[in-house]
Amino acid sequence: MVLTLDKVPVGVKVKVVSVLGGYGIVNRLMQMGLTPGTIVEVVNNMGPIIVRVRGVTIALGRGMARKVIVERT
């Protein structure tokens, strides 16, 4: 099942399928570690989306989280 990162419940691990948007947004998200194939765990989804990526916790605004297409692992 494919969905956007902002729709993932807390505690669920997902795999990044793709990142949508212009060069700047895609580049920024990939610099944060959100590259296709990466496993991401949602820590909090109230307000900014807080995720754990490769052992690092990062916060994303909902607009940016909507650009990240994921699937359940």
C-alpha atoms as a PDB file:
ATOM      1  CA  MET A   1       0.000   0.000   0.000  1.00  0.00           C
ATOM      2  CA  VAL A   2       1.509   3.323  -1.098  1.00  0.00           C
ATOM      3  CA  LEU A   3       0.821   6.538   0.843  1.00  0.00           C
ATOM      4  CA  THR A   4       2.461   9.823   1.798  1.00  0.00           C
ATOM      5  CA  LEU A   5       4.582  10.160   4.924  1.00  0.00           C
ATOM      6  CA  ASP A   6       2.100  12.523   6.616  1.00  0.00           C
ATOM      7  CA  LYS A   7      -0.534   9.720   6.636  1.00  0.00           C
ATOM      8  CA  VAL A   8       1.584   7.118   8.482  1.00  0.00           C
ATOM      9  CA  PRO A   9       0.522   6.328  12.082  1.00  0.00           C
ATOM     10  CA  VAL A  10       2.952   6.727  15.000  1.00  0.00           C
ATOM     11  CA  GLY A  11       5.249   3.746  15.568  1.00  0.00           C
ATOM     12  CA  VAL A  12       4.927   2.378  12.042  1.00  0.00           C
ATOM     13  CA  LYS A  13       8.014   1.721   9.913  1.00  0.00           C
ATOM     14  CA  VAL A  14       7.782   2.411   6.202  1.00  0.00           C
ATOM     15  CA  LYS A  15      10.109   2.345   3.203  1.00  0.00           C
ATOM     16  CA  VAL A  16      10.630   5.450   1.073  1.00  0.00           C
ATOM     17  CA  VAL A  17       9.496   4.786  -2.509  1.00  0.00           C
ATOM     18  CA  SER A  18      10.078   8.228  -4.030  1.00  0.00           C
ATOM     19  CA  VAL A  19      10.336  11.926  -3.280  1.00  0.00           C
ATOM     20  CA  LEU A  20       8.214  14.363  -5.305  1.00  0.00           C
ATOM     21  CA  GLY A  21       8.734  18.049  -6.028  1.00  0.00           C
ATOM     22  CA  GLY A  22      11.206  20.419  -7.568  1.00  0.00           C
ATOM     23  CA  TYR A  23      14.959  20.059  -7.426  1.00  0.00           C
ATOM     24  CA  GLY A  24      15.340  22.108  -4.220  1.00  0.00           C
ATOM     25  CA  ILE A  25      12.796  20.157  -2.179  1.00  0.00           C
ATOM     26  CA  VAL A  26      13.921  16.770  -3.468  1.00  0.00           C
ATOM     27  CA  ASN A  27      17.567  17.632  -2.813  1.00  0.00           C
ATOM     28  CA  ARG A  28      16.826  18.861   0.729  1.00  0.00           C
ATOM     29  CA  LEU A  29      14.808  15.763   1.653  1.00  0.00           C
ATOM     30  CA  MET A  30      17.476  13.471   0.243  1.00  0.00           C
ATOM     31  CA  GLN A  31      20.156  15.318   2.227  1.00  0.00           C
ATOM     32  CA  MET A  32      18.069  14.540   5.322  1.00  0.00           C
ATOM     33  CA  GLY A  33      18.338  10.840   4.459  1.00  0.00           C
ATOM     34  CA  LEU A  34      14.935  10.365   2.839  1.00  0.00           C
ATOM     35  CA  THR A  35      16.183   8.472  -0.203  1.00  0.00           C
ATOM     36  CA  PRO A  36      14.320   5.673  -2.012  1.00  0.00           C
ATOM     37  CA  GLY A  37      14.727   2.349  -0.195  1.00  0.00           C
ATOM     38  CA  THR A  38      15.390   3.921   3.219  1.00  0.00           C
ATOM     39  CA  ILE A  39      13.391   2.632   6.198  1.00  0.00           C
ATOM     40  CA  VAL A  40      11.726   5.408   8.230  1.00  0.00           C
ATOM     41  CA  GLU A  41       9.905   5.166  11.582  1.00  0.00           C
ATOM     42  CA  VAL A  42       7.250   7.752  12.455  1.00  0.00           C
ATOM     43  CA  VAL A  43       7.792   9.017  16.022  1.00  0.00           C
ATOM     44  CA  ASN A  44       5.088  11.716  16.102  1.00  0.00           C
ATOM     45  CA  ASN A  45       2.521  12.911  13.581  1.00  0.00           C
ATOM     46  CA  MET A  46       0.782  15.670  15.524  1.00  0.00           C
ATOM     47  CA  GLY A  47       1.946  19.031  14.193  1.00  0.00           C
ATOM     48  CA  PRO A  48       5.278  18.552  12.443  1.00  0.00           C
ATOM     49  CA  ILE A  49       5.982  14.966  11.399  1.00  0.00           C
ATOM     50  CA  ILE A  50       8.859  13.591  13.474  1.00  0.00           C
ATOM     51  CA  VAL A  51      10.629  10.587  12.009  1.00  0.00           C
ATOM     52  CA  ARG A  52      13.672   8.462  12.759  1.00  0.00           C
ATOM     53  CA  VAL A  53      15.861   7.970   9.693  1.00  0.00           C
ATOM     54  CA  ARG A  54      19.112   5.971   9.874  1.00  0.00           C
ATOM     55  CA  GLY A  55      19.277   6.497  13.643  1.00  0.00           C
ATOM     56  CA  VAL A  56      18.684  10.259  13.433  1.00  0.00           C
ATOM     57  CA  THR A  57      15.459  11.986  14.501  1.00  0.00           C
ATOM     58  CA  ILE A  58      14.250  14.760  12.192  1.00  0.00           C
ATOM     59  CA  ALA A  59      11.143  16.944  11.991  1.00  0.00           C
ATOM     60  CA  LEU A  60       9.335  17.727   8.749  1.00  0.00           C
ATOM     61  CA  GLY A  61       6.516  20.132   8.079  1.00  0.00           C
ATOM     62  CA  ARG A  62       3.354  18.492   6.770  1.00  0.00           C
ATOM     63  CA  GLY A  63       3.870  20.003   3.323  1.00  0.00           C
ATOM     64  CA  MET A  64       7.302  18.410   2.995  1.00  0.00           C
ATOM     65  CA  ALA A  65       6.049  15.106   4.426  1.00  0.00           C
ATOM     66  CA  ARG A  66       3.393  15.025   1.677  1.00  0.00           C
ATOM     67  CA  LYS A  67       6.196  14.949  -0.894  1.00  0.00           C
ATOM     68  CA  VAL A  68       7.578  11.656   0.468  1.00  0.00           C
ATOM     69  CA  ILE A  69       5.873   8.578  -1.001  1.00  0.00           C
ATOM     70  CA  VAL A  70       6.229   5.482   1.197  1.00  0.00           C
ATOM     71  CA  GLU A  71       5.013   1.901   1.483  1.00  0.00           C
ATOM     72  CA  ARG A  72       4.568  -0.290   4.542  1.00  0.00           C
ATOM     73  CA  THR A  73       7.412  -2.716   5.190  1.00  0.00           C
END
